[in-house]
Amino acid sequence: PTAVVIPPPFTAVPSPRPTSDVVVDVPQILRDIQLASDVGDDDCALNPTTQFTAQTPEIYIVARAVDLPEGTTLTTRWQRGDEQGALYDFTYGFIEDACIWFYSDQTNFEFIPGSYTINIDINGLPFGEPVPFTIADPNAG
């Protein structure tokens, strides 16, 4: 995936939405959305979790794409509250059934303890509910 990065600290900036003429069966093309700190050789999530620390090297959002039409653009918007952190988008070729992922590390935004969400767009339209995760303070309680 190609990253369009808004450097830390997070900024309240509206994200651009990609457009595409590709029509997709949105409820069916992304399944089993998970977060993890690593992916396997099959590109699927290893040890899915929604809890990370500021020392986590990378955070992945992984989904199983099924019958994803060629030319479909997926976008992930990583947010802390209303503040946008990183924005990634990628236009795919046809995928019959495979895991796909986007990831972020601290070169994209600082992993400050708090509550975060990742919003997914398909061809510029929101997909599902925001995916929540937490970055914990390793020194807390």
N, C-alpha and C. Protein backbone atom coordinates (compact mmCIF):
# COMPACT_ATOMS: atom_id res chain seq x y z
N PRO A 1 0.82 -1.20 0.00
CA PRO A 1 0.00 0.00 0.00
C PRO A 1 0.86 1.26 0.00
N THR A 2 0.35 2.29 -0.61
CA THR A 2 1.03 3.57 -0.65
C THR A 2 0.51 4.43 0.48
N ALA A 3 1.41 5.00 1.26
CA ALA A 3 1.00 5.80 2.40
C ALA A 3 0.98 7.27 2.03
N VAL A 4 -0.09 7.93 2.46
CA VAL A 4 -0.15 9.39 2.44
C VAL A 4 -0.15 9.75 3.91
N VAL A 5 0.94 10.31 4.38
CA VAL A 5 1.14 10.45 5.82
C VAL A 5 0.96 11.89 6.25
N ILE A 6 0.20 12.06 7.33
CA ILE A 6 0.12 13.34 8.02
C ILE A 6 0.95 13.14 9.27
N PRO A 7 2.11 13.79 9.37
CA PRO A 7 3.03 13.51 10.48
C PRO A 7 2.45 13.91 11.83
N PRO A 8 3.02 13.31 12.91
CA PRO A 8 2.55 13.65 14.24
C PRO A 8 2.79 15.11 14.54
N PRO A 9 2.11 15.71 15.49
CA PRO A 9 0.98 15.10 16.16
C PRO A 9 -0.22 14.99 15.23
N PHE A 10 -1.19 14.20 15.64
CA PHE A 10 -2.39 14.05 14.84
C PHE A 10 -2.98 15.43 14.56
N THR A 11 -3.60 15.58 13.42
CA THR A 11 -4.21 16.86 13.07
C THR A 11 -5.64 16.63 12.62
N ALA A 12 -6.50 17.56 12.94
CA ALA A 12 -7.90 17.46 12.53
C ALA A 12 -8.03 17.98 11.11
N VAL A 13 -7.78 17.10 10.15
CA VAL A 13 -7.82 17.46 8.74
C VAL A 13 -8.75 16.49 8.04
N PRO A 14 -9.71 16.97 7.25
CA PRO A 14 -10.56 16.03 6.54
C PRO A 14 -9.74 15.25 5.53
N SER A 15 -10.00 13.94 5.45
CA SER A 15 -9.23 13.12 4.52
C SER A 15 -9.88 13.11 3.15
N PRO A 16 -9.07 13.12 2.10
CA PRO A 16 -9.64 13.02 0.76
C PRO A 16 -10.19 11.62 0.54
N ARG A 17 -11.24 11.52 -0.21
CA ARG A 17 -11.82 10.22 -0.51
C ARG A 17 -11.57 9.90 -1.97
N PRO A 18 -10.96 8.72 -2.23
CA PRO A 18 -10.73 8.34 -3.61
C PRO A 18 -12.04 8.04 -4.32
N THR A 19 -12.03 8.12 -5.61
CA THR A 19 -13.22 7.79 -6.38
C THR A 19 -12.87 6.71 -7.38
N SER A 20 -13.86 5.93 -7.74
CA SER A 20 -13.65 4.84 -8.69
C SER A 20 -14.97 4.54 -9.36
N ASP A 21 -14.89 4.03 -10.59
CA ASP A 21 -16.10 3.61 -11.30
C ASP A 21 -16.41 2.14 -11.06
N VAL A 22 -15.57 1.45 -10.28
CA VAL A 22 -15.77 0.02 -10.04
C VAL A 22 -16.89 -0.14 -9.02
N VAL A 23 -17.88 -0.97 -9.36
CA VAL A 23 -19.00 -1.25 -8.47
C VAL A 23 -18.71 -2.57 -7.77
N VAL A 24 -18.84 -2.60 -6.45
CA VAL A 24 -18.55 -3.82 -5.70
C VAL A 24 -19.73 -4.20 -4.82
N ASP A 25 -19.82 -5.50 -4.50
CA ASP A 25 -20.79 -5.99 -3.54
C ASP A 25 -20.19 -5.78 -2.16
N VAL A 26 -20.34 -4.57 -1.64
CA VAL A 26 -19.62 -4.12 -0.45
C VAL A 26 -19.78 -5.06 0.74
N PRO A 27 -20.97 -5.56 1.09
CA PRO A 27 -21.05 -6.38 2.30
C PRO A 27 -20.23 -7.67 2.24
N GLN A 28 -19.89 -8.13 1.07
CA GLN A 28 -19.25 -9.43 0.94
C GLN A 28 -17.77 -9.41 0.64
N ILE A 29 -17.20 -8.31 0.19
CA ILE A 29 -15.83 -8.38 -0.30
C ILE A 29 -14.76 -8.35 0.78
N LEU A 30 -15.05 -7.82 1.96
CA LEU A 30 -14.09 -7.84 3.06
C LEU A 30 -14.71 -8.60 4.23
N ARG A 31 -13.96 -9.59 4.71
CA ARG A 31 -14.45 -10.42 5.82
C ARG A 31 -13.34 -10.58 6.85
N ASP A 32 -13.72 -11.02 8.03
CA ASP A 32 -12.75 -11.37 9.07
C ASP A 32 -11.72 -10.26 9.31
N ILE A 33 -12.20 -9.05 9.52
CA ILE A 33 -11.29 -7.92 9.75
C ILE A 33 -10.68 -8.06 11.15
N GLN A 34 -9.33 -8.03 11.20
CA GLN A 34 -8.62 -8.22 12.45
C GLN A 34 -7.44 -7.26 12.53
N LEU A 35 -6.99 -7.01 13.74
CA LEU A 35 -5.77 -6.25 13.98
C LEU A 35 -4.72 -7.19 14.56
N ALA A 36 -3.46 -6.91 14.27
CA ALA A 36 -2.36 -7.73 14.78
C ALA A 36 -1.07 -6.93 14.69
N SER A 37 -0.04 -7.43 15.36
CA SER A 37 1.26 -6.78 15.27
C SER A 37 2.16 -7.48 14.24
N ASP A 38 1.61 -8.50 13.54
CA ASP A 38 2.38 -9.19 12.51
C ASP A 38 1.42 -10.00 11.64
N VAL A 39 1.89 -10.32 10.43
CA VAL A 39 1.14 -11.18 9.52
C VAL A 39 2.01 -12.36 9.13
N GLY A 40 1.35 -13.46 8.73
CA GLY A 40 2.07 -14.66 8.33
C GLY A 40 2.43 -14.64 6.85
N ASP A 41 3.04 -15.74 6.41
CA ASP A 41 3.42 -15.88 5.00
C ASP A 41 2.21 -15.82 4.08
N ASP A 42 1.02 -16.15 4.62
CA ASP A 42 -0.21 -16.09 3.83
C ASP A 42 -0.87 -14.71 3.89
N ASP A 43 -0.20 -13.74 4.50
CA ASP A 43 -0.68 -12.36 4.67
C ASP A 43 -1.85 -12.23 5.64
N CYS A 44 -2.21 -13.31 6.34
CA CYS A 44 -3.28 -13.25 7.34
C CYS A 44 -2.69 -12.87 8.71
N ALA A 45 -3.54 -12.35 9.59
CA ALA A 45 -3.11 -11.87 10.90
C ALA A 45 -2.55 -13.00 11.75
N LEU A 46 -1.44 -12.74 12.44
CA LEU A 46 -0.89 -13.64 13.44
C LEU A 46 -1.25 -13.09 14.81
N ASN A 47 -1.83 -13.92 15.67
CA ASN A 47 -2.20 -13.52 17.03
C ASN A 47 -3.01 -12.24 17.06
N PRO A 48 -4.21 -12.25 16.47
CA PRO A 48 -5.05 -11.04 16.44
C PRO A 48 -5.27 -10.47 17.84
N THR A 49 -5.28 -9.13 17.90
CA THR A 49 -5.49 -8.42 19.15
C THR A 49 -5.97 -7.01 18.84
N THR A 50 -6.52 -6.37 19.86
CA THR A 50 -6.87 -4.95 19.72
C THR A 50 -6.09 -4.12 20.75
N GLN A 51 -5.15 -4.76 21.44
CA GLN A 51 -4.36 -4.10 22.47
C GLN A 51 -2.89 -4.06 22.05
N PHE A 52 -2.33 -2.86 22.00
CA PHE A 52 -0.94 -2.66 21.62
C PHE A 52 -0.28 -1.76 22.65
N THR A 53 1.03 -1.61 22.57
CA THR A 53 1.75 -0.67 23.44
C THR A 53 2.52 0.31 22.57
N ALA A 54 3.07 1.32 23.21
CA ALA A 54 3.88 2.30 22.48
C ALA A 54 5.15 1.66 21.93
N GLN A 55 5.52 0.47 22.43
CA GLN A 55 6.70 -0.23 21.93
C GLN A 55 6.38 -1.21 20.80
N THR A 56 5.11 -1.36 20.44
CA THR A 56 4.75 -2.25 19.34
C THR A 56 5.39 -1.71 18.06
N PRO A 57 6.15 -2.56 17.33
CA PRO A 57 6.82 -2.05 16.13
C PRO A 57 5.87 -1.65 15.01
N GLU A 58 4.84 -2.48 14.77
CA GLU A 58 3.90 -2.23 13.68
C GLU A 58 2.51 -2.69 14.09
N ILE A 59 1.50 -2.01 13.57
CA ILE A 59 0.11 -2.42 13.78
C ILE A 59 -0.49 -2.66 12.40
N TYR A 60 -1.05 -3.85 12.21
CA TYR A 60 -1.65 -4.24 10.94
C TYR A 60 -3.17 -4.32 11.07
N ILE A 61 -3.86 -3.89 10.03
CA ILE A 61 -5.28 -4.20 9.89
C ILE A 61 -5.35 -5.14 8.70
N VAL A 62 -5.97 -6.30 8.94
CA VAL A 62 -5.99 -7.39 7.97
C VAL A 62 -7.43 -7.78 7.69
N ALA A 63 -7.72 -8.09 6.44
CA ALA A 63 -9.06 -8.57 6.07
C ALA A 63 -8.91 -9.66 5.02
N ARG A 64 -9.89 -10.51 4.95
CA ARG A 64 -9.96 -11.49 3.87
C ARG A 64 -10.78 -10.86 2.76
N ALA A 65 -10.17 -10.70 1.59
CA ALA A 65 -10.86 -10.15 0.42
C ALA A 65 -11.39 -11.32 -0.40
N VAL A 66 -12.67 -11.25 -0.74
CA VAL A 66 -13.32 -12.32 -1.51
C VAL A 66 -13.99 -11.69 -2.73
N ASP A 67 -13.59 -12.16 -3.92
CA ASP A 67 -14.13 -11.63 -5.18
C ASP A 67 -14.02 -10.11 -5.25
N LEU A 68 -12.85 -9.62 -4.88
CA LEU A 68 -12.58 -8.18 -4.94
C LEU A 68 -12.34 -7.82 -6.41
N PRO A 69 -13.19 -6.98 -7.00
CA PRO A 69 -13.05 -6.65 -8.42
C PRO A 69 -11.76 -5.88 -8.71
N GLU A 70 -11.20 -6.11 -9.87
CA GLU A 70 -10.03 -5.35 -10.31
C GLU A 70 -10.38 -3.87 -10.33
N GLY A 71 -9.46 -3.05 -9.87
CA GLY A 71 -9.68 -1.61 -9.87
C GLY A 71 -10.34 -1.08 -8.61
N THR A 72 -10.58 -1.94 -7.61
CA THR A 72 -11.17 -1.51 -6.35
C THR A 72 -10.12 -0.80 -5.51
N THR A 73 -10.46 0.39 -5.02
CA THR A 73 -9.55 1.14 -4.15
C THR A 73 -10.03 1.02 -2.71
N LEU A 74 -9.13 0.55 -1.85
CA LEU A 74 -9.39 0.50 -0.41
C LEU A 74 -8.57 1.58 0.26
N THR A 75 -9.17 2.22 1.24
CA THR A 75 -8.51 3.28 2.00
C THR A 75 -8.68 2.98 3.47
N THR A 76 -7.60 3.15 4.24
CA THR A 76 -7.71 3.07 5.69
C THR A 76 -7.31 4.42 6.27
N ARG A 77 -8.14 4.90 7.20
CA ARG A 77 -7.90 6.17 7.88
C ARG A 77 -7.72 5.87 9.36
N TRP A 78 -6.53 6.09 9.86
CA TRP A 78 -6.17 5.81 11.24
C TRP A 78 -6.40 7.07 12.05
N GLN A 79 -7.20 6.97 13.12
CA GLN A 79 -7.58 8.15 13.88
C GLN A 79 -7.47 7.93 15.38
N ARG A 80 -7.18 9.01 16.09
CA ARG A 80 -7.28 9.06 17.55
C ARG A 80 -8.33 10.12 17.83
N GLY A 81 -9.50 9.68 18.30
CA GLY A 81 -10.62 10.61 18.45
C GLY A 81 -11.00 11.16 17.08
N ASP A 82 -11.10 12.49 16.97
CA ASP A 82 -11.42 13.12 15.70
C ASP A 82 -10.17 13.52 14.93
N GLU A 83 -9.00 13.19 15.47
CA GLU A 83 -7.75 13.58 14.84
C GLU A 83 -7.24 12.49 13.92
N GLN A 84 -6.92 12.87 12.70
CA GLN A 84 -6.42 11.91 11.73
C GLN A 84 -4.93 11.71 11.90
N GLY A 85 -4.49 10.46 11.82
CA GLY A 85 -3.07 10.13 11.90
C GLY A 85 -2.51 9.82 10.54
N ALA A 86 -2.80 8.66 10.03
CA ALA A 86 -2.25 8.23 8.74
C ALA A 86 -3.39 7.84 7.81
N LEU A 87 -3.15 8.00 6.54
CA LEU A 87 -4.12 7.66 5.51
C LEU A 87 -3.40 6.82 4.47
N TYR A 88 -3.95 5.66 4.17
CA TYR A 88 -3.35 4.78 3.17
C TYR A 88 -4.42 4.40 2.16
N ASP A 89 -4.04 4.35 0.90
CA ASP A 89 -4.96 3.80 -0.08
C ASP A 89 -4.19 2.97 -1.09
N PHE A 90 -4.88 2.00 -1.66
CA PHE A 90 -4.26 1.10 -2.61
C PHE A 90 -5.35 0.59 -3.54
N THR A 91 -5.03 0.54 -4.83
CA THR A 91 -5.97 0.00 -5.83
C THR A 91 -5.49 -1.39 -6.20
N TYR A 92 -6.38 -2.35 -6.06
CA TYR A 92 -6.06 -3.76 -6.23
C TYR A 92 -6.46 -4.29 -7.60
N GLY A 93 -5.77 -5.36 -8.02
CA GLY A 93 -6.22 -6.20 -9.11
C GLY A 93 -7.26 -7.15 -8.54
N PHE A 94 -7.82 -8.00 -9.37
CA PHE A 94 -8.83 -8.97 -8.91
C PHE A 94 -8.23 -9.89 -7.85
N ILE A 95 -8.97 -10.08 -6.76
CA ILE A 95 -8.58 -11.05 -5.72
C ILE A 95 -9.76 -12.00 -5.53
N GLU A 96 -9.50 -13.29 -5.75
CA GLU A 96 -10.56 -14.29 -5.57
C GLU A 96 -10.84 -14.55 -4.10
N ASP A 97 -9.78 -14.83 -3.32
CA ASP A 97 -9.93 -15.10 -1.90
C ASP A 97 -8.54 -15.09 -1.26
N ALA A 98 -8.20 -14.01 -0.59
CA ALA A 98 -6.87 -13.89 0.02
C ALA A 98 -6.89 -12.81 1.10
N CYS A 99 -5.95 -12.91 2.03
CA CYS A 99 -5.80 -11.87 3.04
C CYS A 99 -5.06 -10.69 2.44
N ILE A 100 -5.48 -9.50 2.83
CA ILE A 100 -4.83 -8.25 2.44
C ILE A 100 -4.62 -7.45 3.71
N TRP A 101 -3.67 -6.52 3.68
CA TRP A 101 -3.40 -5.75 4.89
C TRP A 101 -2.86 -4.37 4.57
N PHE A 102 -3.03 -3.50 5.57
CA PHE A 102 -2.38 -2.20 5.65
C PHE A 102 -1.70 -2.18 7.01
N TYR A 103 -0.62 -1.45 7.14
CA TYR A 103 0.01 -1.35 8.46
C TYR A 103 0.51 0.07 8.68
N SER A 104 0.77 0.34 9.94
CA SER A 104 1.37 1.61 10.31
C SER A 104 2.45 1.33 11.35
N ASP A 105 3.47 2.17 11.34
CA ASP A 105 4.49 2.11 12.37
C ASP A 105 4.74 3.54 12.86
N GLN A 106 5.72 3.70 13.73
CA GLN A 106 5.92 5.02 14.33
C GLN A 106 6.59 6.02 13.40
N THR A 107 6.94 5.62 12.20
CA THR A 107 7.38 6.61 11.22
C THR A 107 6.16 7.31 10.60
N ASN A 108 4.98 6.68 10.74
CA ASN A 108 3.75 7.26 10.20
C ASN A 108 3.03 8.14 11.23
N PHE A 109 2.99 7.67 12.46
CA PHE A 109 2.49 8.48 13.57
C PHE A 109 2.99 7.87 14.87
N GLU A 110 3.18 8.72 15.87
CA GLU A 110 3.69 8.26 17.17
C GLU A 110 2.61 7.44 17.87
N PHE A 111 3.00 6.28 18.40
CA PHE A 111 2.07 5.41 19.11
C PHE A 111 1.90 5.91 20.55
N ILE A 112 1.10 6.94 20.69
CA ILE A 112 0.81 7.54 21.99
C ILE A 112 -0.32 6.75 22.63
N PRO A 113 -0.23 6.42 23.93
CA PRO A 113 -1.32 5.69 24.58
C PRO A 113 -2.66 6.39 24.39
N GLY A 114 -3.68 5.59 24.12
CA GLY A 114 -5.02 6.11 23.93
C GLY A 114 -5.88 5.17 23.11
N SER A 115 -7.09 5.63 22.82
CA SER A 115 -8.05 4.86 22.02
C SER A 115 -8.02 5.35 20.58
N TYR A 116 -8.00 4.42 19.65
CA TYR A 116 -7.88 4.70 18.23
C TYR A 116 -8.96 3.96 17.46
N THR A 117 -9.17 4.40 16.22
CA THR A 117 -10.03 3.67 15.30
C THR A 117 -9.40 3.69 13.92
N ILE A 118 -9.77 2.70 13.14
CA ILE A 118 -9.39 2.67 11.72
C ILE A 118 -10.69 2.60 10.94
N ASN A 119 -10.88 3.55 10.05
CA ASN A 119 -12.04 3.56 9.17
C ASN A 119 -11.60 3.01 7.82
N ILE A 120 -12.44 2.17 7.23
CA ILE A 120 -12.15 1.59 5.93
C ILE A 120 -13.14 2.15 4.92
N ASP A 121 -12.63 2.59 3.79
CA ASP A 121 -13.47 3.03 2.67
C ASP A 121 -13.21 2.11 1.48
N ILE A 122 -14.26 1.82 0.74
CA ILE A 122 -14.14 1.07 -0.51
C ILE A 122 -14.63 1.98 -1.62
N ASN A 123 -13.74 2.31 -2.54
CA ASN A 123 -14.06 3.23 -3.64
C ASN A 123 -14.69 4.52 -3.13
N GLY A 124 -14.15 5.02 -2.01
CA GLY A 124 -14.59 6.29 -1.47
C GLY A 124 -15.81 6.24 -0.59
N LEU A 125 -16.39 5.04 -0.39
CA LEU A 125 -17.57 4.91 0.46
C LEU A 125 -17.21 4.17 1.74
N PRO A 126 -17.73 4.62 2.89
CA PRO A 126 -17.41 3.94 4.15
C PRO A 126 -17.84 2.49 4.14
N PHE A 127 -16.99 1.63 4.71
CA PHE A 127 -17.29 0.21 4.83
C PHE A 127 -17.38 -0.16 6.30
N GLY A 128 -18.52 -0.66 6.72
CA GLY A 128 -18.69 -1.15 8.09
C GLY A 128 -18.47 -0.09 9.14
N GLU A 129 -18.27 -0.58 10.36
CA GLU A 129 -18.04 0.28 11.51
C GLU A 129 -16.54 0.52 11.67
N PRO A 130 -16.16 1.64 12.30
CA PRO A 130 -14.73 1.84 12.58
C PRO A 130 -14.19 0.67 13.42
N VAL A 131 -12.95 0.30 13.17
CA VAL A 131 -12.30 -0.79 13.89
C VAL A 131 -11.51 -0.18 15.05
N PRO A 132 -11.93 -0.47 16.31
CA PRO A 132 -11.26 0.17 17.45
C PRO A 132 -10.02 -0.62 17.90
N PHE A 133 -9.05 0.12 18.45
CA PHE A 133 -7.92 -0.52 19.12
C PHE A 133 -7.36 0.45 20.16
N THR A 134 -6.54 -0.09 21.05
CA THR A 134 -5.98 0.70 22.13
C THR A 134 -4.46 0.56 22.13
N ILE A 135 -3.80 1.68 22.35
CA ILE A 135 -2.36 1.67 22.62
C ILE A 135 -2.24 2.00 24.11
N ALA A 136 -1.73 1.01 24.86
CA ALA A 136 -1.66 1.14 26.32
C ALA A 136 -0.34 1.76 26.75
N ASP A 137 -0.38 2.40 27.90
CA ASP A 137 0.83 2.91 28.53
C ASP A 137 1.46 1.75 29.30
N PRO A 138 2.65 1.29 28.90
CA PRO A 138 3.25 0.14 29.59
C PRO A 138 3.62 0.43 31.04
N ASN A 139 3.66 1.70 31.43
CA ASN A 139 4.01 2.06 32.80
C ASN A 139 2.79 2.26 33.70
N ALA A 140 1.58 2.16 33.10
CA ALA A 140 0.36 2.37 33.89
C ALA A 140 0.03 1.10 34.66
N GLY A 141 -0.54 1.28 35.80
CA GLY A 141 -1.04 0.37 36.65
C GLY A 141 -1.02 -0.97 36.90
